[in-house]
């Protein structure tokens, strides 16, 4: 390995460590991510709007929860451990609209408030969740409506 490659790897490791330390300083650690995912998907499974959508697609909840914990650790800590294509998965669900993503965010925000250890941590996770919802909704809208869909997520709720 060249010195440049080694330096690049060290920079990536340092950036990941800094991102993780920033989140952990706000109470967002692996234990928090685990509680958040468990609490959130318990609410999803009971929800009249979103529960049926998930029930049609999730056969193995423990596997899905594990995958979502990996996803959120990757998002919040830049851990690099998640591989998958959430956009493709969401585009395959017929009829997803802004109301679904807005409701998903409201349930997510309620979960964050229920588990809140630090308002800064809530804000950090909520901003990432909103960005993800916006990106997924926009991708679906652009595919369906063309460029007119490029601002599809502008009215999604904030925490």
N, C-alpha and C. Protein backbone atom coordinates (compact mmCIF):
# COMPACT_ATOMS: atom_id res chain seq x y z
N UNK A 1 0.85 -1.18 0.00
CA UNK A 1 0.00 0.00 0.00
C UNK A 1 0.90 1.24 0.00
N UNK A 2 0.53 2.21 -0.81
CA UNK A 2 1.34 3.41 -0.90
C UNK A 2 1.10 4.32 0.30
N UNK A 3 1.97 5.28 0.46
CA UNK A 3 1.82 6.24 1.56
C UNK A 3 0.54 7.06 1.40
N UNK A 4 0.19 7.38 0.17
CA UNK A 4 -1.02 8.15 -0.10
C UNK A 4 -2.26 7.33 0.31
N UNK A 5 -2.28 6.06 -0.07
CA UNK A 5 -3.41 5.20 0.30
C UNK A 5 -3.51 5.04 1.81
N UNK A 6 -2.37 4.87 2.47
CA UNK A 6 -2.37 4.72 3.92
C UNK A 6 -2.85 6.00 4.59
N UNK A 7 -2.39 7.15 4.09
CA UNK A 7 -2.82 8.44 4.64
C UNK A 7 -4.34 8.61 4.45
N UNK A 8 -4.84 8.23 3.27
CA UNK A 8 -6.28 8.32 2.99
C UNK A 8 -7.06 7.43 3.95
N UNK A 9 -6.60 6.23 4.18
CA UNK A 9 -7.28 5.32 5.13
C UNK A 9 -7.29 5.91 6.54
N UNK A 10 -6.19 6.49 6.93
CA UNK A 10 -6.11 7.11 8.26
C UNK A 10 -7.08 8.30 8.36
N UNK A 11 -7.17 9.08 7.30
CA UNK A 11 -8.11 10.21 7.29
C UNK A 11 -9.55 9.73 7.39
N UNK A 12 -9.87 8.66 6.70
CA UNK A 12 -11.23 8.09 6.77
C UNK A 12 -11.50 7.59 8.18
N UNK A 13 -10.56 6.88 8.77
CA UNK A 13 -10.73 6.39 10.15
C UNK A 13 -10.92 7.56 11.12
N UNK A 14 -10.13 8.61 10.93
CA UNK A 14 -10.24 9.77 11.81
C UNK A 14 -11.59 10.47 11.64
N UNK A 15 -12.05 10.59 10.41
CA UNK A 15 -13.35 11.22 10.15
C UNK A 15 -14.48 10.40 10.77
N UNK A 16 -14.40 9.09 10.65
CA UNK A 16 -15.42 8.22 11.25
C UNK A 16 -15.39 8.33 12.77
N UNK A 17 -14.22 8.35 13.34
CA UNK A 17 -14.11 8.47 14.79
C UNK A 17 -14.67 9.80 15.27
N UNK A 18 -14.39 10.86 14.53
CA UNK A 18 -14.89 12.19 14.92
C UNK A 18 -16.42 12.24 14.83
N UNK A 19 -16.98 11.67 13.78
CA UNK A 19 -18.44 11.66 13.63
C UNK A 19 -19.08 10.87 14.75
N UNK A 20 -18.51 9.73 15.08
CA UNK A 20 -19.04 8.90 16.16
C UNK A 20 -18.93 9.64 17.50
N UNK A 21 -17.79 10.26 17.74
CA UNK A 21 -17.59 10.99 19.00
C UNK A 21 -18.58 12.14 19.13
N UNK A 22 -18.84 12.84 18.02
CA UNK A 22 -19.82 13.94 18.02
C UNK A 22 -21.20 13.42 18.42
N UNK A 23 -21.61 12.30 17.83
CA UNK A 23 -22.92 11.73 18.15
C UNK A 23 -22.95 11.23 19.59
N UNK A 24 -21.92 10.53 20.01
CA UNK A 24 -21.89 9.98 21.37
C UNK A 24 -21.90 11.07 22.43
N UNK A 25 -21.29 12.20 22.13
CA UNK A 25 -21.30 13.33 23.07
C UNK A 25 -22.72 13.84 23.30
N UNK A 26 -23.61 13.55 22.35
CA UNK A 26 -25.01 13.96 22.45
C UNK A 26 -25.93 12.82 22.91
N UNK A 27 -25.32 11.72 23.37
CA UNK A 27 -26.09 10.58 23.86
C UNK A 27 -26.52 9.60 22.78
N UNK A 28 -26.04 9.81 21.57
CA UNK A 28 -26.40 8.93 20.45
C UNK A 28 -25.26 7.92 20.27
N UNK A 29 -25.40 6.80 20.97
CA UNK A 29 -24.40 5.74 20.88
C UNK A 29 -25.09 4.47 20.36
N UNK A 30 -24.37 3.36 20.32
CA UNK A 30 -24.95 2.12 19.79
C UNK A 30 -26.16 1.67 20.59
N UNK A 31 -26.15 1.84 21.89
CA UNK A 31 -27.29 1.45 22.71
C UNK A 31 -28.51 2.31 22.38
N UNK A 32 -28.28 3.61 22.17
CA UNK A 32 -29.38 4.49 21.79
C UNK A 32 -29.95 4.07 20.44
N UNK A 33 -29.10 3.79 19.46
CA UNK A 33 -29.56 3.38 18.14
C UNK A 33 -30.42 2.12 18.26
N UNK A 34 -29.98 1.18 19.07
CA UNK A 34 -30.74 -0.06 19.25
C UNK A 34 -32.12 0.22 19.85
N UNK A 35 -32.16 1.04 20.91
CA UNK A 35 -33.46 1.38 21.54
C UNK A 35 -34.35 2.13 20.55
N UNK A 36 -33.77 3.05 19.81
CA UNK A 36 -34.52 3.85 18.86
C UNK A 36 -35.18 2.96 17.80
N UNK A 37 -34.40 2.07 17.22
CA UNK A 37 -34.93 1.19 16.17
C UNK A 37 -36.02 0.28 16.74
N UNK A 38 -35.79 -0.31 17.90
CA UNK A 38 -36.79 -1.20 18.51
C UNK A 38 -38.08 -0.44 18.81
N UNK A 39 -37.97 0.73 19.42
CA UNK A 39 -39.13 1.54 19.79
C UNK A 39 -39.88 2.01 18.54
N UNK A 40 -39.15 2.51 17.56
CA UNK A 40 -39.76 3.04 16.35
C UNK A 40 -40.52 1.96 15.59
N UNK A 41 -39.90 0.82 15.39
CA UNK A 41 -40.58 -0.21 14.60
C UNK A 41 -41.70 -0.89 15.37
N UNK A 42 -41.68 -0.83 16.68
CA UNK A 42 -42.85 -1.28 17.45
C UNK A 42 -44.03 -0.36 17.14
N UNK A 43 -43.76 0.95 17.07
CA UNK A 43 -44.82 1.91 16.73
C UNK A 43 -45.29 1.71 15.28
N UNK A 44 -44.37 1.48 14.38
CA UNK A 44 -44.72 1.25 12.97
C UNK A 44 -45.65 0.05 12.84
N UNK A 45 -45.32 -1.04 13.54
CA UNK A 45 -46.11 -2.27 13.41
C UNK A 45 -47.54 -2.07 13.91
N UNK A 46 -47.75 -1.12 14.81
CA UNK A 46 -49.09 -0.84 15.35
C UNK A 46 -49.83 0.25 14.58
N UNK A 47 -49.15 0.89 13.65
CA UNK A 47 -49.71 2.05 12.97
C UNK A 47 -50.67 1.64 11.84
N UNK A 48 -51.82 2.31 11.79
CA UNK A 48 -52.84 1.98 10.79
C UNK A 48 -52.40 2.28 9.36
N UNK A 49 -51.64 3.33 9.15
CA UNK A 49 -51.21 3.70 7.79
C UNK A 49 -49.98 2.91 7.34
N UNK A 50 -48.96 2.87 8.18
CA UNK A 50 -47.69 2.27 7.76
C UNK A 50 -47.55 0.80 8.11
N UNK A 51 -48.23 0.36 9.16
CA UNK A 51 -48.13 -1.03 9.57
C UNK A 51 -48.41 -2.02 8.45
N UNK A 52 -49.51 -1.85 7.71
CA UNK A 52 -49.80 -2.80 6.63
C UNK A 52 -48.74 -2.82 5.52
N UNK A 53 -48.16 -1.67 5.23
CA UNK A 53 -47.12 -1.60 4.19
C UNK A 53 -45.92 -2.44 4.61
N UNK A 54 -45.52 -2.31 5.87
CA UNK A 54 -44.39 -3.09 6.37
C UNK A 54 -44.75 -4.56 6.50
N UNK A 55 -45.97 -4.85 6.97
CA UNK A 55 -46.39 -6.24 7.17
C UNK A 55 -46.36 -7.03 5.87
N UNK A 56 -46.66 -6.37 4.76
CA UNK A 56 -46.64 -7.03 3.45
C UNK A 56 -45.23 -7.39 3.01
N UNK A 57 -44.23 -6.72 3.56
CA UNK A 57 -42.87 -6.86 3.05
C UNK A 57 -41.87 -7.46 4.03
N UNK A 58 -42.18 -7.45 5.31
CA UNK A 58 -41.23 -7.94 6.31
C UNK A 58 -41.73 -9.29 6.85
N UNK A 59 -40.95 -10.32 6.58
CA UNK A 59 -41.28 -11.65 7.10
C UNK A 59 -40.52 -11.96 8.38
N UNK A 60 -39.33 -11.43 8.49
CA UNK A 60 -38.45 -11.73 9.60
C UNK A 60 -38.10 -10.42 10.31
N UNK A 61 -38.89 -10.07 11.34
CA UNK A 61 -38.68 -8.80 12.03
C UNK A 61 -37.33 -8.70 12.72
N UNK A 62 -36.86 -9.74 13.41
CA UNK A 62 -35.53 -9.61 14.02
C UNK A 62 -34.44 -9.30 12.98
N UNK A 63 -34.52 -9.92 11.82
CA UNK A 63 -33.54 -9.64 10.76
C UNK A 63 -33.67 -8.19 10.29
N UNK A 64 -34.91 -7.74 10.09
CA UNK A 64 -35.12 -6.36 9.64
C UNK A 64 -34.61 -5.36 10.67
N UNK A 65 -34.90 -5.61 11.93
CA UNK A 65 -34.44 -4.70 12.99
C UNK A 65 -32.91 -4.65 13.03
N UNK A 66 -32.28 -5.79 12.89
CA UNK A 66 -30.81 -5.82 12.85
C UNK A 66 -30.28 -5.02 11.67
N UNK A 67 -30.93 -5.16 10.52
CA UNK A 67 -30.51 -4.41 9.33
C UNK A 67 -30.70 -2.91 9.54
N UNK A 68 -31.80 -2.53 10.18
CA UNK A 68 -32.05 -1.11 10.42
C UNK A 68 -31.07 -0.53 11.46
N UNK A 69 -30.67 -1.32 12.42
CA UNK A 69 -29.66 -0.86 13.37
C UNK A 69 -28.33 -0.62 12.65
N UNK A 70 -27.99 -1.54 11.75
CA UNK A 70 -26.78 -1.37 10.94
C UNK A 70 -26.89 -0.11 10.08
N UNK A 71 -28.06 0.09 9.46
CA UNK A 71 -28.28 1.26 8.63
C UNK A 71 -28.08 2.54 9.44
N UNK A 72 -28.73 2.63 10.61
CA UNK A 72 -28.65 3.86 11.40
C UNK A 72 -27.25 4.09 11.98
N UNK A 73 -26.54 3.02 12.34
CA UNK A 73 -25.15 3.21 12.77
C UNK A 73 -24.31 3.76 11.63
N UNK A 74 -24.57 3.27 10.42
CA UNK A 74 -23.83 3.78 9.26
C UNK A 74 -24.15 5.24 9.02
N UNK A 75 -25.41 5.61 9.15
CA UNK A 75 -25.82 7.00 8.93
C UNK A 75 -25.26 7.92 10.01
N UNK A 76 -25.38 7.51 11.26
CA UNK A 76 -25.04 8.39 12.38
C UNK A 76 -23.56 8.39 12.74
N UNK A 77 -22.88 7.27 12.49
CA UNK A 77 -21.48 7.16 12.87
C UNK A 77 -20.55 7.04 11.66
N UNK A 78 -21.15 7.00 10.44
CA UNK A 78 -20.36 6.79 9.23
C UNK A 78 -19.54 5.52 9.35
N UNK A 79 -20.17 4.48 9.91
CA UNK A 79 -19.44 3.25 10.21
C UNK A 79 -19.09 2.43 8.98
N UNK A 80 -19.81 2.65 7.89
CA UNK A 80 -19.52 1.92 6.66
C UNK A 80 -19.97 0.48 6.67
N UNK A 81 -20.77 0.08 7.66
CA UNK A 81 -21.14 -1.33 7.76
C UNK A 81 -22.41 -1.70 7.00
N UNK A 82 -23.19 -0.73 6.55
CA UNK A 82 -24.43 -1.03 5.83
C UNK A 82 -24.17 -1.11 4.34
N UNK A 83 -24.74 -2.12 3.72
CA UNK A 83 -24.74 -2.18 2.26
C UNK A 83 -26.17 -2.51 1.84
N UNK A 84 -26.64 -1.79 0.90
CA UNK A 84 -28.00 -1.98 0.43
C UNK A 84 -28.42 -0.79 -0.39
N UNK A 85 -29.64 -0.85 -0.91
CA UNK A 85 -30.14 0.21 -1.76
C UNK A 85 -31.54 0.59 -1.31
N UNK A 86 -31.64 1.45 -0.28
CA UNK A 86 -32.96 1.85 0.21
C UNK A 86 -33.83 2.50 -0.86
N UNK A 87 -33.23 3.24 -1.78
CA UNK A 87 -34.02 3.89 -2.84
C UNK A 87 -34.73 2.84 -3.68
N UNK A 88 -34.02 1.83 -4.10
CA UNK A 88 -34.62 0.77 -4.92
C UNK A 88 -35.75 0.08 -4.16
N UNK A 89 -35.53 -0.20 -2.88
CA UNK A 89 -36.56 -0.86 -2.06
C UNK A 89 -37.82 -0.01 -1.98
N UNK A 90 -37.66 1.29 -1.77
CA UNK A 90 -38.82 2.17 -1.62
C UNK A 90 -39.51 2.43 -2.95
N UNK A 91 -38.75 2.50 -4.04
CA UNK A 91 -39.36 2.70 -5.36
C UNK A 91 -40.23 1.52 -5.75
N UNK A 92 -39.95 0.36 -5.21
CA UNK A 92 -40.71 -0.84 -5.55
C UNK A 92 -42.06 -0.91 -4.83
N UNK A 93 -42.31 0.01 -3.92
CA UNK A 93 -43.57 0.00 -3.16
C UNK A 93 -44.56 0.91 -3.88
N UNK A 94 -45.62 0.35 -4.43
CA UNK A 94 -46.58 1.18 -5.16
C UNK A 94 -47.36 2.11 -4.22
N UNK A 95 -47.61 3.31 -4.71
CA UNK A 95 -48.49 4.23 -4.00
C UNK A 95 -47.87 5.03 -2.88
N UNK A 96 -46.55 4.96 -2.67
CA UNK A 96 -45.94 5.78 -1.62
C UNK A 96 -46.02 7.24 -2.01
N UNK A 97 -46.47 8.05 -1.05
CA UNK A 97 -46.67 9.48 -1.30
C UNK A 97 -46.12 10.28 -0.13
N UNK A 98 -46.20 11.60 -0.28
CA UNK A 98 -45.72 12.49 0.77
C UNK A 98 -46.37 12.16 2.12
N UNK A 99 -47.66 11.86 2.13
CA UNK A 99 -48.34 11.59 3.40
C UNK A 99 -47.71 10.41 4.14
N UNK A 100 -47.22 9.42 3.43
CA UNK A 100 -46.57 8.28 4.07
C UNK A 100 -45.25 8.70 4.71
N UNK A 101 -44.47 9.47 3.98
CA UNK A 101 -43.18 9.92 4.51
C UNK A 101 -43.37 10.91 5.66
N UNK A 102 -44.35 11.79 5.54
CA UNK A 102 -44.63 12.75 6.61
C UNK A 102 -45.05 12.00 7.88
N UNK A 103 -45.89 11.00 7.72
CA UNK A 103 -46.34 10.22 8.89
C UNK A 103 -45.17 9.43 9.48
N UNK A 104 -44.33 8.85 8.61
CA UNK A 104 -43.14 8.13 9.07
C UNK A 104 -42.28 9.06 9.93
N UNK A 105 -42.09 10.29 9.44
CA UNK A 105 -41.29 11.24 10.20
C UNK A 105 -41.94 11.60 11.53
N UNK A 106 -43.24 11.80 11.55
CA UNK A 106 -43.92 12.13 12.81
C UNK A 106 -43.74 11.01 13.83
N UNK A 107 -43.86 9.74 13.38
CA UNK A 107 -43.63 8.61 14.29
C UNK A 107 -42.17 8.57 14.74
N UNK A 108 -41.27 8.86 13.83
CA UNK A 108 -39.85 8.86 14.15
C UNK A 108 -39.53 9.95 15.16
N UNK A 109 -40.07 11.16 14.94
CA UNK A 109 -39.85 12.26 15.87
C UNK A 109 -40.43 11.94 17.25
N UNK A 110 -41.59 11.32 17.29
CA UNK A 110 -42.19 10.93 18.57
C UNK A 110 -41.28 9.95 19.30
N UNK A 111 -40.69 9.03 18.56
CA UNK A 111 -39.75 8.07 19.15
C UNK A 111 -38.55 8.82 19.74
N UNK A 112 -38.00 9.75 18.98
CA UNK A 112 -36.84 10.51 19.46
C UNK A 112 -37.18 11.29 20.72
N UNK A 113 -38.35 11.91 20.75
CA UNK A 113 -38.74 12.68 21.94
C UNK A 113 -38.91 11.75 23.14
N UNK A 114 -39.46 10.58 22.92
CA UNK A 114 -39.67 9.62 24.02
C UNK A 114 -38.35 9.12 24.60
N UNK A 115 -37.35 9.01 23.76
CA UNK A 115 -36.06 8.47 24.19
C UNK A 115 -35.02 9.55 24.46
N UNK A 116 -35.40 10.79 24.33
CA UNK A 116 -34.43 11.90 24.36
C UNK A 116 -33.56 11.91 25.61
N UNK A 117 -32.27 11.98 25.34
CA UNK A 117 -31.28 12.15 26.40
C UNK A 117 -30.69 13.55 26.34
N UNK A 118 -30.62 14.09 25.12
CA UNK A 118 -30.03 15.41 24.88
C UNK A 118 -30.75 15.99 23.67
N UNK A 119 -31.27 17.21 23.77
CA UNK A 119 -31.95 17.81 22.62
C UNK A 119 -31.06 17.87 21.37
N UNK A 120 -29.78 18.02 21.57
CA UNK A 120 -28.85 18.03 20.44
C UNK A 120 -28.81 16.70 19.72
N UNK A 121 -28.90 15.62 20.49
CA UNK A 121 -28.94 14.28 19.89
C UNK A 121 -30.23 14.08 19.11
N UNK A 122 -31.33 14.54 19.70
CA UNK A 122 -32.61 14.45 19.00
C UNK A 122 -32.54 15.20 17.68
N UNK A 123 -31.99 16.39 17.71
CA UNK A 123 -31.88 17.21 16.51
C UNK A 123 -30.99 16.54 15.46
N UNK A 124 -29.87 16.00 15.90
CA UNK A 124 -28.94 15.33 14.98
C UNK A 124 -29.62 14.19 14.25
N UNK A 125 -30.28 13.31 15.00
CA UNK A 125 -30.91 12.14 14.40
C UNK A 125 -32.11 12.56 13.55
N UNK A 126 -32.88 13.52 14.04
CA UNK A 126 -34.06 13.99 13.30
C UNK A 126 -33.67 14.60 11.97
N UNK A 127 -32.60 15.38 11.96
CA UNK A 127 -32.15 15.99 10.69
C UNK A 127 -31.75 14.92 9.69
N UNK A 128 -31.09 13.89 10.16
CA UNK A 128 -30.69 12.81 9.25
C UNK A 128 -31.92 12.07 8.74
N UNK A 129 -32.90 11.82 9.63
CA UNK A 129 -34.12 11.12 9.22
C UNK A 129 -34.89 11.94 8.18
N UNK A 130 -34.99 13.25 8.40
CA UNK A 130 -35.71 14.09 7.45
C UNK A 130 -35.01 14.10 6.10
N UNK A 131 -33.69 14.15 6.12
CA UNK A 131 -32.92 14.14 4.89
C UNK A 131 -33.17 12.83 4.11
N UNK A 132 -33.21 11.73 4.83
CA UNK A 132 -33.46 10.43 4.19
C UNK A 132 -34.87 10.40 3.61
N UNK A 133 -35.86 10.83 4.38
CA UNK A 133 -37.24 10.85 3.89
C UNK A 133 -37.36 11.74 2.66
N UNK A 134 -36.74 12.91 2.71
CA UNK A 134 -36.78 13.84 1.58
C UNK A 134 -36.15 13.19 0.34
N UNK A 135 -35.01 12.56 0.53
CA UNK A 135 -34.31 11.93 -0.59
C UNK A 135 -35.14 10.81 -1.21
N UNK A 136 -35.72 9.96 -0.37
CA UNK A 136 -36.53 8.85 -0.89
C UNK A 136 -37.78 9.36 -1.60
N UNK A 137 -38.48 10.30 -0.97
CA UNK A 137 -39.69 10.85 -1.59
C UNK A 137 -39.34 11.54 -2.90
N UNK A 138 -38.27 12.31 -2.92
CA UNK A 138 -37.87 13.00 -4.15
C UNK A 138 -37.50 12.02 -5.24
N UNK A 139 -36.76 10.96 -4.90
CA UNK A 139 -36.41 9.94 -5.89
C UNK A 139 -37.64 9.30 -6.50
N UNK A 140 -38.61 8.98 -5.66
CA UNK A 140 -39.85 8.37 -6.15
C UNK A 140 -40.60 9.37 -7.03
N UNK A 141 -40.70 10.62 -6.61
CA UNK A 141 -41.44 11.63 -7.36
C UNK A 141 -40.77 11.93 -8.70
N UNK A 142 -39.45 12.00 -8.73
CA UNK A 142 -38.75 12.27 -9.98
C UNK A 142 -38.96 11.11 -10.94
N UNK A 143 -38.89 9.91 -10.45
CA UNK A 143 -39.12 8.74 -11.31
C UNK A 143 -40.54 8.76 -11.88
N UNK A 144 -41.49 9.13 -11.05
CA UNK A 144 -42.90 9.14 -11.45
C UNK A 144 -43.25 10.36 -12.30
N UNK A 145 -42.77 11.57 -11.87
CA UNK A 145 -43.24 12.82 -12.46
C UNK A 145 -42.17 13.57 -13.26
N UNK A 146 -40.96 13.08 -13.31
CA UNK A 146 -39.89 13.80 -13.98
C UNK A 146 -39.35 14.90 -13.08
N UNK A 147 -38.72 15.88 -13.67
CA UNK A 147 -38.07 16.93 -12.89
C UNK A 147 -39.02 17.72 -12.00
N UNK A 148 -40.29 17.76 -12.34
CA UNK A 148 -41.24 18.49 -11.49
C UNK A 148 -41.27 17.89 -10.07
N UNK A 149 -40.88 16.64 -9.94
CA UNK A 149 -40.86 15.99 -8.63
C UNK A 149 -39.62 16.27 -7.80
N UNK A 150 -38.72 17.08 -8.32
CA UNK A 150 -37.43 17.27 -7.65
C UNK A 150 -37.52 18.01 -6.31
N UNK A 151 -38.63 18.62 -6.01
CA UNK A 151 -38.80 19.29 -4.72
C UNK A 151 -39.90 18.62 -3.91
N UNK A 152 -40.11 17.35 -4.12
CA UNK A 152 -41.22 16.63 -3.51
C UNK A 152 -41.19 16.68 -1.99
N UNK A 153 -40.03 16.69 -1.39
CA UNK A 153 -39.94 16.63 0.07
C UNK A 153 -39.92 17.97 0.78
N UNK A 154 -40.13 19.05 0.07
CA UNK A 154 -39.99 20.39 0.68
C UNK A 154 -40.97 20.63 1.81
N UNK A 155 -42.11 19.96 1.82
CA UNK A 155 -43.12 20.22 2.85
C UNK A 155 -43.12 19.16 3.97
N UNK A 156 -42.16 18.25 3.96
CA UNK A 156 -42.08 17.25 5.03
C UNK A 156 -41.86 17.96 6.38
N UNK A 157 -42.39 17.40 7.45
CA UNK A 157 -42.25 18.05 8.75
C UNK A 157 -40.82 18.02 9.29
N UNK A 158 -40.52 19.01 10.09
CA UNK A 158 -39.25 19.08 10.84
C UNK A 158 -39.57 18.74 12.29
N UNK A 159 -38.55 18.32 13.02
CA UNK A 159 -38.74 17.98 14.43
C UNK A 159 -38.99 19.25 15.23
